[in-house]
Amino acid sequence: MKRKVLVAMSGGVDSSVAALILRDAGYSVTGVTMCLGIVDDGDRSRCCGRDAVDDARRVCEHLRISHHVIDFARDMKEEVIDRFVQEYRRGRTPNPCIDCNRYLKFGRLLGLARSMGFEFLATGHYAKIEKAGDTYRLLKSKDRAKDQTYFLYPILRGDLPAVLFPLSDRTKGEVRALAIEAGVPVAHKTESQDICFVPRKGYRQFIRDLAGPLQPGRIVDTEGRERGRHDGIVSFTVGQRSGLGISAPAPLYVVSVDAEDNRVVVGEKKDLLASGLRAADLNLLADSWPDKAEAKIRYRKKASTCRIIPEEGGLRIDFEEPQESITPGQAVVLYRGEEVLGGGVIEQVIHESR
């Protein structure tokens, strides 16, 4: 009997080719698209909007596999969008793609797949799951430029055996070529680089629309001197240089966002450097946290060597070399070579020397 797999399909090239690979490998494949209540604004590259559902359906018809649409609009609002708005109002910078993976794809959807009798849930992520003895490990994909393990650290260790990443050993170019060769209807579709639920008017206006009027406040330097005014802290994130509205002899950057006092702190580039961080809301994929690892503090940043110190409720991470623009609300993901050890959410930036 063929092994049953449910493939999460966004209407894009990657998830379409994931379904194609599994079908050709002999699995019994069913496609599913999460309807997240996202209003299309003319950008067909967005995932999980109405156009994405139509594209996924066309791909499934082409592959001759069944396709289902699941209404996750309420889950999306409660677990991702509301959290996104709340985090910005707290002066933090969230990563909604990680929350979507945690709560929707590898939370609700994986549970739904099991309840429907599927052995596996597959996605078009660039990552790899490898069985080593009786354990499973999450590893970086072949295409390091596209590797998405940073966004996948919240997958529970016990769920790894039920997850398939068919693109693990292919580059993006190879995936696109395979789609073209197979005549997949979305083979030439472009990728979206934006947050899927944020309209073209931008996230700041999106937050204002949902959260109501924002409170103006002060922009101060690291000595506490007022340097300007802001119209709401949601417009700022650590490391930001543009949009400050301040004239200064040297470039100024956002060093921190203080929600309690409703102020934005700016400083010179050197003020962005920090020796470490504290992380909470952890997910461990290895047997235990090692003493040393490599930590990634944002998606496109190279992982840096660090020391790991377990603390009550989280981890302290001290870097061998100071890191720039460590941002509360973002994820820190820990690696040992190609293996993802786990990760958490950055709660505090540590500036003192070790």
Foldseek 3Di string as FASTA:
>chain_A
DAAEEEQEFFLALLSLLLQVVCVVVRHQYEYEYEQQVADDDPQLQFGNYPSSLVSRCQSCVLVVHHYYYHYCNVVCVPQAVVVCLVQLLQQFHADRLLSCLQPPVLNVVLVVCVVVPHQAYEYSAQWDWDDDPPFIFTFFAPANVRTDVLSVQNRARVCSSRYDHSCRHDYPVVSLVVCVVSVRVNSPPDHDPDDNRADPVDDVVVSCVVVPFADKDFEEEPVRHTFGIDRHSSVAWFQDQPPPPGDDPATKTFQGQHSVRRYTYIDHQVSQWFFWFKFAPKHFNDPDDDQWFWKDQDDPDDTFIWGWDDDVRTIITGGPGTDGRRTFNTKIWTHHVGTTGIIGTTHGTHHDDD
